[in-house]
Amino acid sequence: MSCVLAVFEAFAVIGVVVGVGAIVGRTEVLGENARMVLNRVAFHIGVPALLLLNLSEATLEQIFSLELAVSALAALLAFAVCFAVFTLVRRRNGGDSTIASWTGSYVNAGNLGIPLSAYVFGNTTAISAIILFQCVVMAPIGIAVLNSAVDPRPSPWRQVLALIVNPIIAASVVGVVLAATSVQLSGPVADSVRLLADLAIPTVLLAFGISLSSRTDALPRADRGDLAIVVVSKMVLMPMLAYAIARWGFGASPSQVLLVTVLAALPSAQNINAYAGVYRCNESLARDATLVSTVAAVPIIAAIVALLPG
């Protein structure tokens, strides 16, 4: 029962900050472009600093684990299924399909996964590895498609250069290098990075809250069919994949099966709202899928924790 209560506590923290953002958006105290500014702050400063800090403090043994293998396979399969559905069946363009596929497979590892892992499982090792995987593998895949969908399409060299200089990817690579070489940030450098990293979670959540209630920056509602597809992918398909892969594919222990299933059932990441806002692709779907999956995640994760042994 204590684990179930911890699930509700983690979601309550997120809800408070999003609620503040909704009030800010409704009252317009930060001006008309507050959501875009906050998204850019998160994308270019806060999230890269947070990833750099988290990854630099991990070890390679913590990163490359069974939990990471299961989570990576489940995420890639869910992403592939979504991308195929949206490009071949729904006939969406590459940019919109990428945002949709991200919302159906990219878990909220940072601002929900970290506190949830700490409250429920007592450590954040597995979720840190997932953050690494999403930043080093899933983010470059999606960003490459988004860059190729820009009109006019940049040359292959410019697309590669865009990946290299992308702040999310660059920070992740630096963090992995620091982890591999056991170099620890310290002193004023570490303090500066940590201070910038503290911007990541509140700016993303505030921007998300603003998008829900802003009068001047309001987004239209997402297509209901698209929304249903990504929510089912994220909240049903991906946890089922993680459970099956862990239990029957890897023969994982009950505690490992529980862990990867819960992490796969995390809602769509608020970071996708920042990506959608920066690239101006499928913003309504990113916003609505994040909201619906976050609400749905509360009973789903509570049920998983209550029903699965671990």
C-alpha atoms as a PDB file:
ATOM      1  CA  MET A   1       0.000   0.000   0.000  1.00  0.00           C
ATOM      2  CA  SER A   2       2.876   2.397   0.732  1.00  0.00           C
ATOM      3  CA  CYS A   3       4.134   1.954  -2.845  1.00  0.00           C
ATOM      4  CA  VAL A   4       0.695   2.805  -4.229  1.00  0.00           C
ATOM      5  CA  LEU A   5       0.589   5.946  -2.084  1.00  0.00           C
ATOM      6  CA  ALA A   6       4.039   6.878  -3.368  1.00  0.00           C
ATOM      7  CA  VAL A   7       2.664   6.754  -6.908  1.00  0.00           C
ATOM      8  CA  PHE A   8      -0.039   9.271  -6.013  1.00  0.00           C
ATOM      9  CA  GLU A   9       2.504  11.513  -4.245  1.00  0.00           C
ATOM     10  CA  ALA A  10       4.723  11.636  -7.332  1.00  0.00           C
ATOM     11  CA  PHE A  11       1.813  12.602  -9.566  1.00  0.00           C
ATOM     12  CA  ALA A  12       0.653  15.211  -7.065  1.00  0.00           C
ATOM     13  CA  VAL A  13       3.981  17.026  -7.348  1.00  0.00           C
ATOM     14  CA  ILE A  14       3.598  17.233 -11.117  1.00  0.00           C
ATOM     15  CA  GLY A  15      -0.020  18.348 -10.886  1.00  0.00           C
ATOM     16  CA  VAL A  16       0.760  21.299  -8.619  1.00  0.00           C
ATOM     17  CA  VAL A  17       3.364  22.777 -10.964  1.00  0.00           C
ATOM     18  CA  VAL A  18       1.201  22.225 -14.053  1.00  0.00           C
ATOM     19  CA  GLY A  19      -1.669  23.900 -12.183  1.00  0.00           C
ATOM     20  CA  VAL A  20       0.488  26.939 -11.487  1.00  0.00           C
ATOM     21  CA  GLY A  21       1.329  27.076 -15.197  1.00  0.00           C
ATOM     22  CA  ALA A  22      -2.371  26.947 -16.063  1.00  0.00           C
ATOM     23  CA  ILE A  23      -3.026  29.913 -13.761  1.00  0.00           C
ATOM     24  CA  VAL A  24      -0.111  31.806 -15.285  1.00  0.00           C
ATOM     25  CA  GLY A  25      -1.424  31.115 -18.777  1.00  0.00           C
ATOM     26  CA  ARG A  26      -4.949  32.166 -17.869  1.00  0.00           C
ATOM     27  CA  THR A  27      -3.854  35.442 -16.279  1.00  0.00           C
ATOM     28  CA  GLU A  28      -1.159  36.112 -18.916  1.00  0.00           C
ATOM     29  CA  VAL A  29       1.186  37.541 -16.319  1.00  0.00           C
ATOM     30  CA  LEU A  30       4.227  36.384 -18.330  1.00  0.00           C
ATOM     31  CA  GLY A  31       3.038  37.841 -21.626  1.00  0.00           C
ATOM     32  CA  GLU A  32       1.837  36.408 -24.913  1.00  0.00           C
ATOM     33  CA  ASN A  33       4.926  34.361 -25.789  1.00  0.00           C
ATOM     34  CA  ALA A  34       5.512  32.790 -22.389  1.00  0.00           C
ATOM     35  CA  ARG A  35       4.997  29.197 -23.548  1.00  0.00           C
ATOM     36  CA  MET A  36       7.449  29.496 -26.435  1.00  0.00           C
ATOM     37  CA  VAL A  37      10.065  31.208 -24.282  1.00  0.00           C
ATOM     38  CA  LEU A  38       9.792  28.583 -21.548  1.00  0.00           C
ATOM     39  CA  ASN A  39       9.967  25.773 -24.123  1.00  0.00           C
ATOM     40  CA  ARG A  40      13.119  27.261 -25.598  1.00  0.00           C
ATOM     41  CA  VAL A  41      14.673  27.719 -22.164  1.00  0.00           C
ATOM     42  CA  ALA A  42      13.971  24.061 -21.424  1.00  0.00           C
ATOM     43  CA  PHE A  43      15.142  22.797 -24.834  1.00  0.00           C
ATOM     44  CA  HIS A  44      18.342  24.837 -25.099  1.00  0.00           C
ATOM     45  CA  ILE A  45      19.401  25.221 -21.447  1.00  0.00           C
ATOM     46  CA  GLY A  46      17.535  23.347 -18.722  1.00  0.00           C
ATOM     47  CA  VAL A  47      17.111  19.871 -20.209  1.00  0.00           C
ATOM     48  CA  PRO A  48      20.665  19.684 -21.644  1.00  0.00           C
ATOM     49  CA  ALA A  49      22.121  20.701 -18.292  1.00  0.00           C
ATOM     50  CA  LEU A  50      19.988  18.129 -16.460  1.00  0.00           C
ATOM     51  CA  LEU A  51      21.021  15.344 -18.828  1.00  0.00           C
ATOM     52  CA  LEU A  52      24.673  16.288 -18.646  1.00  0.00           C
ATOM     53  CA  LEU A  53      24.547  16.248 -14.858  1.00  0.00           C
ATOM     54  CA  ASN A  54      22.613  12.967 -14.507  1.00  0.00           C
ATOM     55  CA  LEU A  55      24.640  11.035 -17.057  1.00  0.00           C
ATOM     56  CA  SER A  56      28.007  12.255 -15.807  1.00  0.00           C
ATOM     57  CA  GLU A  57      27.174  10.913 -12.333  1.00  0.00           C
ATOM     58  CA  ALA A  58      26.232   7.418 -13.600  1.00  0.00           C
ATOM     59  CA  THR A  59      28.505   4.427 -14.202  1.00  0.00           C
ATOM     60  CA  LEU A  60      28.588   2.274 -17.294  1.00  0.00           C
ATOM     61  CA  GLU A  61      27.490  -0.727 -15.232  1.00  0.00           C
ATOM     62  CA  GLN A  62      24.409   1.165 -14.092  1.00  0.00           C
ATOM     63  CA  ILE A  63      23.634   2.309 -17.607  1.00  0.00           C
ATOM     64  CA  PHE A  64      23.966  -0.941 -19.570  1.00  0.00           C
ATOM     65  CA  SER A  65      21.644  -3.254 -17.635  1.00  0.00           C
ATOM     66  CA  LEU A  66      18.848  -5.743 -18.253  1.00  0.00           C
ATOM     67  CA  GLU A  67      16.308  -3.067 -17.366  1.00  0.00           C
ATOM     68  CA  LEU A  68      17.756  -0.795 -20.040  1.00  0.00           C
ATOM     69  CA  ALA A  69      17.670  -3.558 -22.669  1.00  0.00           C
ATOM     70  CA  VAL A  70      14.005  -4.316 -21.966  1.00  0.00           C
ATOM     71  CA  SER A  71      12.999  -0.645 -21.846  1.00  0.00           C
ATOM     72  CA  ALA A  72      14.880   0.114 -25.059  1.00  0.00           C
ATOM     73  CA  LEU A  73      13.259  -2.746 -26.973  1.00  0.00           C
ATOM     74  CA  ALA A  74       9.772  -1.822 -25.753  1.00  0.00           C
ATOM     75  CA  ALA A  75      10.273   1.842 -26.659  1.00  0.00           C
ATOM     76  CA  LEU A  76      11.693   1.151 -30.112  1.00  0.00           C
ATOM     77  CA  LEU A  77       8.908  -1.292 -30.936  1.00  0.00           C
ATOM     78  CA  ALA A  78       6.221   1.157 -29.772  1.00  0.00           C
ATOM     79  CA  PHE A  79       7.878   3.961 -31.769  1.00  0.00           C
ATOM     80  CA  ALA A  80       8.064   1.800 -34.892  1.00  0.00           C
ATOM     81  CA  VAL A  81       4.415   0.730 -34.613  1.00  0.00           C
ATOM     82  CA  CYS A  82       3.251   4.338 -34.153  1.00  0.00           C
ATOM     83  CA  PHE A  83       5.390   5.656 -37.005  1.00  0.00           C
ATOM     84  CA  ALA A  84       4.095   2.974 -39.366  1.00  0.00           C
ATOM     85  CA  VAL A  85       0.481   3.676 -38.413  1.00  0.00           C
ATOM     86  CA  PHE A  86       0.791   7.438 -38.793  1.00  0.00           C
ATOM     87  CA  THR A  87       2.719   7.397 -42.069  1.00  0.00           C
ATOM     88  CA  LEU A  88       1.022   4.457 -43.822  1.00  0.00           C
ATOM     89  CA  VAL A  89      -2.513   4.532 -42.388  1.00  0.00           C
ATOM     90  CA  ARG A  90      -3.103   8.062 -41.112  1.00  0.00           C
ATOM     91  CA  ARG A  91      -1.042   9.582 -43.968  1.00  0.00           C
ATOM     92  CA  ARG A  92       0.745  12.135 -41.780  1.00  0.00           C
ATOM     93  CA  ASN A  93       3.985  13.810 -42.843  1.00  0.00           C
ATOM     94  CA  GLY A  94       7.360  12.922 -41.348  1.00  0.00           C
ATOM     95  CA  GLY A  95       7.412  15.707 -38.765  1.00  0.00           C
ATOM     96  CA  ASP A  96       3.902  15.082 -37.446  1.00  0.00           C
ATOM     97  CA  SER A  97       4.478  11.312 -37.450  1.00  0.00           C
ATOM     98  CA  THR A  98       7.662  11.749 -35.430  1.00  0.00           C
ATOM     99  CA  ILE A  99       5.972  13.826 -32.731  1.00  0.00           C
ATOM    100  CA  ALA A 100       3.091  11.336 -32.628  1.00  0.00           C
ATOM    101  CA  SER A 101       5.481   8.378 -32.366  1.00  0.00           C
ATOM    102  CA  TRP A 102       7.462  10.103 -29.639  1.00  0.00           C
ATOM    103  CA  THR A 103       4.315  10.679 -27.590  1.00  0.00           C
ATOM    104  CA  GLY A 104       3.498   6.976 -27.967  1.00  0.00           C
ATOM    105  CA  SER A 105       6.912   5.738 -26.847  1.00  0.00           C
ATOM    106  CA  TYR A 106       8.963   8.455 -25.109  1.00  0.00           C
ATOM    107  CA  VAL A 107       8.412   8.142 -21.350  1.00  0.00           C
ATOM    108  CA  ASN A 108       8.385  10.960 -18.828  1.00  0.00           C
ATOM    109  CA  ALA A 109      11.658   9.778 -17.313  1.00  0.00           C
ATOM    110  CA  GLY A 110      12.888  13.064 -15.902  1.00  0.00           C
ATOM    111  CA  ASN A 111      10.233  15.038 -14.073  1.00  0.00           C
ATOM    112  CA  LEU A 112       8.018  12.043 -13.211  1.00  0.00           C
ATOM    113  CA  GLY A 113      10.190   8.956 -13.584  1.00  0.00           C
ATOM    114  CA  ILE A 114      12.880  10.188 -11.207  1.00  0.00           C
ATOM    115  CA  PRO A 115      10.590  11.048  -8.273  1.00  0.00           C
ATOM    116  CA  LEU A 116       8.429   7.967  -8.925  1.00  0.00           C
ATOM    117  CA  SER A 117      11.478   5.686  -8.955  1.00  0.00           C
ATOM    118  CA  ALA A 118      12.753   7.256  -5.760  1.00  0.00           C
ATOM    119  CA  TYR A 119       9.398   6.991  -3.970  1.00  0.00           C
ATOM    120  CA  VAL A 120       8.422   3.491  -5.170  1.00  0.00           C
ATOM    121  CA  PHE A 121      11.707   1.638  -5.784  1.00  0.00           C
ATOM    122  CA  GLY A 122      14.141   3.540  -3.579  1.00  0.00           C
ATOM    123  CA  ASN A 123      16.651   4.384  -6.340  1.00  0.00           C
ATOM    124  CA  THR A 124      16.890   6.130  -9.706  1.00  0.00           C
ATOM    125  CA  THR A 125      19.489   3.948 -11.435  1.00  0.00           C
ATOM    126  CA  ALA A 126      17.178   2.354 -14.016  1.00  0.00           C
ATOM    127  CA  ILE A 127      15.424   5.590 -14.893  1.00  0.00           C
ATOM    128  CA  SER A 128      18.768   7.334 -15.392  1.00  0.00           C
ATOM    129  CA  ALA A 129      19.699   4.648 -17.923  1.00  0.00           C
ATOM    130  CA  ILE A 130      16.411   5.231 -19.741  1.00  0.00           C
ATOM    131  CA  ILE A 131      17.121   8.961 -19.839  1.00  0.00           C
ATOM    132  CA  LEU A 132      20.440   8.134 -21.473  1.00  0.00           C
ATOM    133  CA  PHE A 133      18.829   5.819 -24.033  1.00  0.00           C
ATOM    134  CA  GLN A 134      16.131   8.327 -24.936  1.00  0.00           C
ATOM    135  CA  CYS A 135      18.664  11.109 -25.390  1.00  0.00           C
ATOM    136  CA  VAL A 136      21.353   9.147 -27.217  1.00  0.00           C
ATOM    137  CA  VAL A 137      19.112   6.951 -29.392  1.00  0.00           C
ATOM    138  CA  MET A 138      15.466   8.061 -29.544  1.00  0.00           C
ATOM    139  CA  ALA A 139      16.064  11.820 -29.591  1.00  0.00           C
ATOM    140  CA  PRO A 140      18.574  11.695 -32.490  1.00  0.00           C
ATOM    141  CA  ILE A 141      16.261   9.443 -34.519  1.00  0.00           C
ATOM    142  CA  GLY A 142      13.348  11.821 -34.101  1.00  0.00           C
ATOM    143  CA  ILE A 143      15.367  14.987 -34.532  1.00  0.00           C
ATOM    144  CA  ALA A 144      16.897  13.630 -37.737  1.00  0.00           C
ATOM    145  CA  VAL A 145      13.400  13.060 -39.158  1.00  0.00           C
ATOM    146  CA  LEU A 146      12.218  16.483 -37.977  1.00  0.00           C
ATOM    147  CA  ASN A 147      15.226  18.196 -39.573  1.00  0.00           C
ATOM    148  CA  SER A 148      14.678  16.301 -42.825  1.00  0.00           C
ATOM    149  CA  ALA A 149      11.036  17.433 -42.837  1.00  0.00           C
ATOM    150  CA  VAL A 150      11.990  21.118 -42.811  1.00  0.00           C
ATOM    151  CA  ASP A 151      11.091  22.929 -46.028  1.00  0.00           C
ATOM    152  CA  PRO A 152      13.387  23.506 -47.837  1.00  0.00           C
ATOM    153  CA  ARG A 153      15.137  20.292 -46.769  1.00  0.00           C
ATOM    154  CA  PRO A 154      18.731  20.909 -45.648  1.00  0.00           C
ATOM    155  CA  SER A 155      21.619  19.016 -47.201  1.00  0.00           C
ATOM    156  CA  PRO A 156      22.767  15.740 -45.581  1.00  0.00           C
ATOM    157  CA  TRP A 157      25.806  17.534 -44.174  1.00  0.00           C
ATOM    158  CA  ARG A 158      23.632  20.199 -42.578  1.00  0.00           C
ATOM    159  CA  GLN A 159      21.363  17.511 -41.121  1.00  0.00           C
ATOM    160  CA  VAL A 160      24.351  15.775 -39.544  1.00  0.00           C
ATOM    161  CA  LEU A 161      25.655  19.100 -38.273  1.00  0.00           C
ATOM    162  CA  ALA A 162      22.229  19.893 -36.796  1.00  0.00           C
ATOM    163  CA  LEU A 163      22.368  16.629 -34.825  1.00  0.00           C
ATOM    164  CA  ILE A 164      25.880  17.362 -33.573  1.00  0.00           C
ATOM    165  CA  VAL A 165      25.069  20.870 -32.357  1.00  0.00           C
ATOM    166  CA  ASN A 166      21.629  20.000 -31.003  1.00  0.00           C
ATOM    167  CA  PRO A 167      21.873  20.885 -27.280  1.00  0.00           C
ATOM    168  CA  ILE A 168      20.012  17.760 -26.125  1.00  0.00           C
ATOM    169  CA  ILE A 169      22.262  15.381 -28.051  1.00  0.00           C
ATOM    170  CA  ALA A 170      25.481  17.299 -27.411  1.00  0.00           C
ATOM    171  CA  ALA A 171      24.878  17.363 -23.651  1.00  0.00           C
ATOM    172  CA  SER A 172      24.047  13.647 -23.628  1.00  0.00           C
ATOM    173  CA  VAL A 173      27.251  12.760 -25.466  1.00  0.00           C
ATOM    174  CA  VAL A 174      29.347  14.846 -23.097  1.00  0.00           C
ATOM    175  CA  GLY A 175      27.630  13.220 -20.121  1.00  0.00           C
ATOM    176  CA  VAL A 176      28.349   9.711 -21.451  1.00  0.00           C
ATOM    177  CA  VAL A 177      31.993  10.601 -22.075  1.00  0.00           C
ATOM    178  CA  LEU A 178      32.326  11.898 -18.514  1.00  0.00           C
ATOM    179  CA  ALA A 179      30.704   8.725 -17.178  1.00  0.00           C
ATOM    180  CA  ALA A 180      32.979   6.480 -19.269  1.00  0.00           C
ATOM    181  CA  THR A 181      36.109   8.315 -18.166  1.00  0.00           C
ATOM    182  CA  SER A 182      34.969   8.635 -14.519  1.00  0.00           C
ATOM    183  CA  VAL A 183      35.504  12.376 -14.660  1.00  0.00           C
ATOM    184  CA  GLN A 184      33.353  14.136 -12.070  1.00  0.00           C
ATOM    185  CA  LEU A 185      32.168  17.711 -12.354  1.00  0.00           C
ATOM    186  CA  SER A 186      33.082  19.641  -9.241  1.00  0.00           C
ATOM    187  CA  GLY A 187      33.383  23.096  -7.780  1.00  0.00           C
ATOM    188  CA  PRO A 188      31.908  26.110  -9.558  1.00  0.00           C
ATOM    189  CA  VAL A 189      31.453  24.132 -12.794  1.00  0.00           C
ATOM    190  CA  ALA A 190      29.247  21.520 -11.135  1.00  0.00           C
ATOM    191  CA  ASP A 191      27.351  24.179  -9.199  1.00  0.00           C
ATOM    192  CA  SER A 192      26.680  26.155 -12.382  1.00  0.00           C
ATOM    193  CA  VAL A 193      25.458  23.103 -14.291  1.00  0.00           C
ATOM    194  CA  ARG A 194      23.270  22.039 -11.368  1.00  0.00           C
ATOM    195  CA  LEU A 195      21.734  25.505 -11.160  1.00  0.00           C
ATOM    196  CA  LEU A 196      20.907  25.448 -14.879  1.00  0.00           C
ATOM    197  CA  ALA A 197      19.596  21.883 -14.576  1.00  0.00           C
ATOM    198  CA  ASP A 198      17.116  23.070 -11.980  1.00  0.00           C
ATOM    199  CA  LEU A 199      15.414  25.021 -14.777  1.00  0.00           C
ATOM    200  CA  ALA A 200      14.466  21.913 -16.741  1.00  0.00           C
ATOM    201  CA  ILE A 201      11.527  20.422 -14.871  1.00  0.00           C
ATOM    202  CA  PRO A 202       9.708  23.602 -13.794  1.00  0.00           C
ATOM    203  CA  THR A 203      10.027  25.300 -17.187  1.00  0.00           C
ATOM    204  CA  VAL A 204       8.665  22.278 -19.061  1.00  0.00           C
ATOM    205  CA  LEU A 205       5.786  21.813 -16.621  1.00  0.00           C
ATOM    206  CA  LEU A 206       4.925  25.509 -16.519  1.00  0.00           C
ATOM    207  CA  ALA A 207       4.932  25.686 -20.328  1.00  0.00           C
ATOM    208  CA  PHE A 208       2.680  22.649 -20.433  1.00  0.00           C
ATOM    209  CA  GLY A 209       0.287  24.257 -17.942  1.00  0.00           C
ATOM    210  CA  ILE A 210       0.240  27.478 -19.948  1.00  0.00           C
ATOM    211  CA  SER A 211      -0.674  25.541 -23.096  1.00  0.00           C
ATOM    212  CA  LEU A 212      -3.758  24.210 -21.324  1.00  0.00           C
ATOM    213  CA  SER A 213      -5.288  27.561 -20.462  1.00  0.00           C
ATOM    214  CA  SER A 214      -3.586  30.434 -22.285  1.00  0.00           C
ATOM    215  CA  ARG A 215      -6.006  32.750 -24.079  1.00  0.00           C
ATOM    216  CA  THR A 216      -3.532  34.208 -26.562  1.00  0.00           C
ATOM    217  CA  ASP A 217      -1.435  31.091 -27.226  1.00  0.00           C
ATOM    218  CA  ALA A 218      -4.245  28.554 -27.379  1.00  0.00           C
ATOM    219  CA  LEU A 219      -3.843  25.463 -29.537  1.00  0.00           C
ATOM    220  CA  PRO A 220      -6.702  23.666 -31.291  1.00  0.00           C
ATOM    221  CA  ARG A 221      -7.728  20.247 -30.043  1.00  0.00           C
ATOM    222  CA  ALA A 222      -5.856  17.266 -31.436  1.00  0.00           C
ATOM    223  CA  ASP A 223      -7.493  14.818 -33.813  1.00  0.00           C
ATOM    224  CA  ARG A 224      -9.329  12.285 -31.647  1.00  0.00           C
ATOM    225  CA  GLY A 225      -8.208   9.333 -33.743  1.00  0.00           C
ATOM    226  CA  ASP A 226      -4.558  10.377 -33.527  1.00  0.00           C
ATOM    227  CA  LEU A 227      -4.901  10.979 -29.805  1.00  0.00           C
ATOM    228  CA  ALA A 228      -6.440   7.564 -29.193  1.00  0.00           C
ATOM    229  CA  ILE A 229      -3.657   5.818 -31.107  1.00  0.00           C
ATOM    230  CA  VAL A 230      -0.790   7.426 -29.211  1.00  0.00           C
ATOM    231  CA  VAL A 231      -2.414   7.056 -25.786  1.00  0.00           C
ATOM    232  CA  VAL A 232      -3.146   3.359 -26.362  1.00  0.00           C
ATOM    233  CA  SER A 233       0.405   2.870 -27.609  1.00  0.00           C
ATOM    234  CA  LYS A 234       1.945   4.616 -24.620  1.00  0.00           C
ATOM    235  CA  MET A 235      -0.298   3.383 -21.824  1.00  0.00           C
ATOM    236  CA  VAL A 236      -1.279  -0.121 -23.039  1.00  0.00           C
ATOM    237  CA  LEU A 237       1.007  -1.415 -25.778  1.00  0.00           C
ATOM    238  CA  MET A 238       4.333  -0.292 -24.334  1.00  0.00           C
ATOM    239  CA  PRO A 239       3.789  -1.682 -20.789  1.00  0.00           C
ATOM    240  CA  MET A 240       2.578  -4.974 -22.286  1.00  0.00           C
ATOM    241  CA  LEU A 241       5.674  -5.153 -24.470  1.00  0.00           C
ATOM    242  CA  ALA A 242       7.973  -4.438 -21.527  1.00  0.00           C
ATOM    243  CA  TYR A 243       6.246  -7.059 -19.380  1.00  0.00           C
ATOM    244  CA  ALA A 244       6.409  -9.732 -22.100  1.00  0.00           C
ATOM    245  CA  ILE A 245      10.017  -9.002 -23.065  1.00  0.00           C
ATOM    246  CA  ALA A 246      11.201  -8.986 -19.452  1.00  0.00           C
ATOM    247  CA  ARG A 247       9.302 -12.065 -18.297  1.00  0.00           C
ATOM    248  CA  TRP A 248       9.490 -14.359 -21.316  1.00  0.00           C
ATOM    249  CA  GLY A 249      12.307 -12.849 -23.350  1.00  0.00           C
ATOM    250  CA  PHE A 250      14.899 -12.310 -20.625  1.00  0.00           C
ATOM    251  CA  GLY A 251      13.524 -14.447 -17.784  1.00  0.00           C
ATOM    252  CA  ALA A 252      13.792 -11.468 -15.451  1.00  0.00           C
ATOM    253  CA  SER A 253      13.066 -11.656 -11.735  1.00  0.00           C
ATOM    254  CA  PRO A 254       9.655 -10.472 -10.451  1.00  0.00           C
ATOM    255  CA  SER A 255      11.176  -7.257  -9.127  1.00  0.00           C
ATOM    256  CA  GLN A 256      12.786  -6.521 -12.496  1.00  0.00           C
ATOM    257  CA  VAL A 257       9.544  -7.275 -14.332  1.00  0.00           C
ATOM    258  CA  LEU A 258       7.665  -4.910 -12.032  1.00  0.00           C
ATOM    259  CA  LEU A 259      10.244  -2.164 -12.478  1.00  0.00           C
ATOM    260  CA  VAL A 260      10.346  -2.206 -16.288  1.00  0.00           C
ATOM    261  CA  THR A 261       6.550  -2.478 -16.543  1.00  0.00           C
ATOM    262  CA  VAL A 262       6.030   0.531 -14.291  1.00  0.00           C
ATOM    263  CA  LEU A 263       8.637   2.572 -16.163  1.00  0.00           C
ATOM    264  CA  ALA A 264       7.042   1.658 -19.507  1.00  0.00           C
ATOM    265  CA  ALA A 265       3.679   2.829 -18.137  1.00  0.00           C
ATOM    266  CA  LEU A 266       5.007   6.318 -17.412  1.00  0.00           C
ATOM    267  CA  PRO A 267       3.069   8.927 -19.418  1.00  0.00           C
ATOM    268  CA  SER A 268       4.337  10.752 -22.478  1.00  0.00           C
ATOM    269  CA  ALA A 269       7.199  13.089 -21.667  1.00  0.00           C
ATOM    270  CA  GLN A 270       6.504  16.787 -21.299  1.00  0.00           C
ATOM    271  CA  ASN A 271       9.756  17.288 -23.214  1.00  0.00           C
ATOM    272  CA  ILE A 272       7.874  16.355 -26.381  1.00  0.00           C
ATOM    273  CA  ASN A 273       5.870  19.556 -25.960  1.00  0.00           C
ATOM    274  CA  ALA A 274       9.137  21.482 -26.086  1.00  0.00           C
ATOM    275  CA  TYR A 275      10.257  19.627 -29.225  1.00  0.00           C
ATOM    276  CA  ALA A 276       6.872  20.121 -30.877  1.00  0.00           C
ATOM    277  CA  GLY A 277       6.912  23.809 -29.974  1.00  0.00           C
ATOM    278  CA  VAL A 278      10.435  24.375 -31.281  1.00  0.00           C
ATOM    279  CA  TYR A 279       9.822  22.514 -34.560  1.00  0.00           C
ATOM    280  CA  ARG A 280       6.170  23.650 -34.843  1.00  0.00           C
ATOM    281  CA  CYS A 281       4.922  20.116 -35.510  1.00  0.00           C
ATOM    282  CA  ASN A 282       1.815  18.460 -34.056  1.00  0.00           C
ATOM    283  CA  GLU A 283       1.753  20.724 -30.993  1.00  0.00           C
ATOM    284  CA  SER A 284      -1.884  19.990 -30.182  1.00  0.00           C
ATOM    285  CA  LEU A 285      -1.338  16.230 -30.198  1.00  0.00           C
ATOM    286  CA  ALA A 286       1.763  16.527 -28.004  1.00  0.00           C
ATOM    287  CA  ARG A 287      -0.128  18.648 -25.489  1.00  0.00           C
ATOM    288  CA  ASP A 288      -3.304  16.537 -25.402  1.00  0.00           C
ATOM    289  CA  ALA A 289      -1.461  13.187 -25.362  1.00  0.00           C
ATOM    290  CA  THR A 290       0.724  14.366 -22.497  1.00  0.00           C
ATOM    291  CA  LEU A 291      -2.300  15.432 -20.490  1.00  0.00           C
ATOM    292  CA  VAL A 292      -4.429  12.331 -21.165  1.00  0.00           C
ATOM    293  CA  SER A 293      -1.568   9.867 -20.632  1.00  0.00           C
ATOM    294  CA  THR A 294      -0.559  11.590 -17.383  1.00  0.00           C
ATOM    295  CA  VAL A 295      -4.103  11.321 -16.028  1.00  0.00           C
ATOM    296  CA  ALA A 296      -4.393   7.719 -17.204  1.00  0.00           C
ATOM    297  CA  ALA A 297      -1.007   6.811 -15.728  1.00  0.00           C
ATOM    298  CA  VAL A 298      -2.198   7.365 -12.159  1.00  0.00           C
ATOM    299  CA  PRO A 299      -4.622   4.406 -11.976  1.00  0.00           C
ATOM    300  CA  ILE A 300      -2.600   2.287 -14.422  1.00  0.00           C
ATOM    301  CA  ILE A 301       0.686   2.501 -12.517  1.00  0.00           C
ATOM    302  CA  ALA A 302      -1.103   2.123  -9.175  1.00  0.00           C
ATOM    303  CA  ALA A 303      -2.771  -1.050 -10.484  1.00  0.00           C
ATOM    304  CA  ILE A 304       0.542  -2.431 -11.780  1.00  0.00           C
ATOM    305  CA  VAL A 305       2.258  -1.840  -8.452  1.00  0.00           C
ATOM    306  CA  ALA A 306      -0.656  -3.398  -6.570  1.00  0.00           C
ATOM    307  CA  LEU A 307      -1.040  -6.470  -8.789  1.00  0.00           C
ATOM    308  CA  LEU A 308       2.478  -7.494  -9.836  1.00  0.00           C
ATOM    309  CA  PRO A 309       4.799  -9.166  -7.302  1.00  0.00           C
ATOM    310  CA  GLY A 310       8.042  -7.430  -6.648  1.00  0.00           C
END
